[in-house]
Amino acid sequence: MVPAVWERVVGREVPRVNALLKDYACRPVQGEVYPGLVPRKGGATRGVVYTDLNSRDLRRLDEYEGREYRRLQLSIWLEDGRCLPAWAYITRAASSNRLSDDAWLLEDFIRRDLTAYLSELANS
């Protein structure tokens, strides 16, 4: 969701649109600054959909997300009301015990953790 993180991971800009993923919740991963998505009836998670991805982009994203997540094609809702299929990385059941019950807030991540996180990505 953060352009600077996207650029470090994928290495190129692509078009993006705001979207909503229904029936999923974004929760903090305990001991980390990043979140995990889990199914939650009635939940909703705002995010960004990047378009025009190629197979190289998806490989880089899969590597970045790692084994804790699996890429699923889910229905997302655009601001204009359209529903479209999109890839999302969902926390695997085996890793869901690492998630907090609190909400993960993008604004908090940007304010508190983004600078250090970008440095960590640059060094990995």
Protein backbone atom coordinates (compact mmCIF):
# COMPACT_ATOMS: atom_id res chain seq x y z
CA MET A 1 0.00 0.00 0.00
CA VAL A 2 3.01 2.27 0.37
CA PRO A 3 4.56 3.41 -2.93
CA ALA A 4 8.09 3.55 -1.46
CA VAL A 5 7.83 -0.08 -0.27
CA TRP A 6 6.35 -1.14 -3.62
CA GLU A 7 9.25 0.49 -5.46
CA ARG A 8 11.84 -1.29 -3.28
CA VAL A 9 10.17 -4.68 -3.70
CA VAL A 10 9.07 -4.61 -7.33
CA GLY A 11 11.52 -2.07 -8.71
CA ARG A 12 9.13 -0.25 -11.01
CA GLU A 13 6.01 1.86 -10.87
CA VAL A 14 2.70 0.55 -12.19
CA PRO A 15 -0.80 2.04 -12.13
CA ARG A 16 -2.66 1.67 -8.84
CA VAL A 17 -6.20 2.18 -7.61
CA ASN A 18 -7.76 2.26 -4.16
CA ALA A 19 -9.90 -0.73 -3.30
CA LEU A 20 -11.80 -2.50 -0.54
CA LEU A 21 -11.51 -6.18 0.37
CA LYS A 22 -14.65 -7.35 2.13
CA ASP A 23 -14.81 -10.10 4.76
CA TYR A 24 -11.10 -9.81 5.60
CA ALA A 25 -9.36 -8.04 8.49
CA CYS A 26 -5.88 -6.55 8.61
CA ARG A 27 -4.15 -7.47 11.87
CA PRO A 28 -0.67 -6.71 13.24
CA VAL A 29 1.83 -9.57 13.19
CA GLN A 30 3.14 -9.81 16.75
CA GLY A 31 6.73 -8.62 17.01
CA GLU A 32 6.68 -7.08 13.51
CA VAL A 33 5.65 -3.75 12.00
CA TYR A 34 3.72 -5.30 9.12
CA PRO A 35 0.23 -6.83 9.04
CA GLY A 36 -1.46 -10.00 7.95
CA LEU A 37 -4.84 -10.45 6.29
CA VAL A 38 -7.25 -13.03 7.66
CA PRO A 39 -10.83 -13.94 6.77
CA ARG A 40 -13.33 -12.15 9.05
CA LYS A 41 -17.03 -12.22 8.26
CA GLY A 42 -18.22 -8.62 8.10
CA GLY A 43 -14.66 -7.26 8.08
CA ALA A 44 -13.35 -4.82 5.51
CA THR A 45 -9.82 -3.82 4.62
CA ARG A 46 -8.93 -0.78 2.55
CA GLY A 47 -5.95 -1.15 0.29
CA VAL A 48 -4.43 -0.59 -3.10
CA VAL A 49 -4.60 -2.69 -6.24
CA TYR A 50 -1.61 -2.47 -8.56
CA THR A 51 -2.40 -3.18 -12.20
CA ASP A 52 -0.38 -4.23 -15.24
CA LEU A 53 1.76 -6.71 -13.31
CA ASN A 54 3.94 -9.18 -15.15
CA SER A 55 5.28 -12.58 -14.07
CA ARG A 56 8.54 -11.02 -12.81
CA ASP A 57 6.57 -8.64 -10.57
CA LEU A 58 4.56 -11.54 -9.12
CA ARG A 59 7.73 -13.58 -8.46
CA ARG A 60 9.27 -10.64 -6.59
CA LEU A 61 6.09 -10.14 -4.57
CA ASP A 62 5.86 -13.85 -3.75
CA GLU A 63 9.47 -13.82 -2.54
CA TYR A 64 8.89 -10.66 -0.49
CA GLU A 65 5.73 -11.99 1.18
CA GLY A 66 7.40 -15.31 2.00
CA ARG A 67 6.00 -18.53 3.38
CA GLU A 68 3.72 -16.90 5.96
CA TYR A 69 1.39 -15.78 3.20
CA ARG A 70 -0.34 -17.33 0.24
CA ARG A 71 -1.45 -15.45 -2.84
CA LEU A 72 -5.16 -15.84 -3.55
CA GLN A 73 -7.39 -14.33 -6.17
CA LEU A 74 -10.25 -12.58 -4.37
CA SER A 75 -12.99 -10.12 -5.28
CA ILE A 76 -12.18 -6.50 -4.51
CA TRP A 77 -14.37 -3.44 -4.73
CA LEU A 78 -13.25 -0.24 -6.43
CA GLU A 79 -14.36 3.22 -5.34
CA ASP A 80 -16.71 3.42 -8.35
CA GLY A 81 -18.60 0.35 -7.10
CA ARG A 82 -17.15 -2.19 -9.53
CA CYS A 83 -16.15 -5.60 -8.21
CA LEU A 84 -13.06 -7.16 -9.80
CA PRO A 85 -10.77 -10.14 -9.19
CA ALA A 86 -7.36 -9.29 -7.75
CA TRP A 87 -4.47 -11.07 -6.08
CA ALA A 88 -4.11 -10.67 -2.31
CA TYR A 89 -1.64 -12.16 0.15
CA ILE A 90 -3.49 -13.89 2.98
CA THR A 91 -1.90 -15.15 6.19
CA ARG A 92 -1.57 -18.92 6.11
CA ALA A 93 -3.49 -20.76 8.82
CA ALA A 94 -0.22 -22.04 10.33
CA SER A 95 0.91 -18.42 10.88
CA SER A 96 -2.39 -16.95 12.04
CA ASN A 97 -1.49 -17.52 15.71
CA ARG A 98 1.08 -14.71 15.28
CA LEU A 99 -1.64 -12.15 14.59
CA SER A 100 -2.95 -9.75 17.20
CA ASP A 101 -6.67 -9.09 17.59
CA ASP A 102 -5.98 -5.35 17.28
CA ALA A 103 -6.45 -3.45 14.04
CA TRP A 104 -3.32 -2.62 12.03
CA LEU A 105 -3.30 1.02 10.93
CA LEU A 106 -1.38 2.17 7.88
CA GLU A 107 -1.08 5.69 9.29
CA ASP A 108 0.71 4.36 12.39
CA PHE A 109 3.10 2.31 10.24
CA ILE A 110 3.97 5.34 8.09
CA ARG A 111 4.47 7.61 11.09
CA ARG A 112 6.40 5.20 13.33
CA ASP A 113 8.02 2.51 11.23
CA LEU A 114 8.33 3.35 7.53
CA THR A 115 11.80 4.93 7.57
CA ALA A 116 13.39 2.01 9.44
CA TYR A 117 11.45 -0.52 7.37
CA LEU A 118 12.72 1.01 4.10
CA SER A 119 16.29 0.87 5.43
CA GLU A 120 15.80 -2.78 6.32
CA LEU A 121 14.52 -3.52 2.80
CA ALA A 122 17.48 -1.73 1.25
CA ASN A 123 19.88 -3.90 3.26
CA SER A 124 18.22 -7.22 2.54
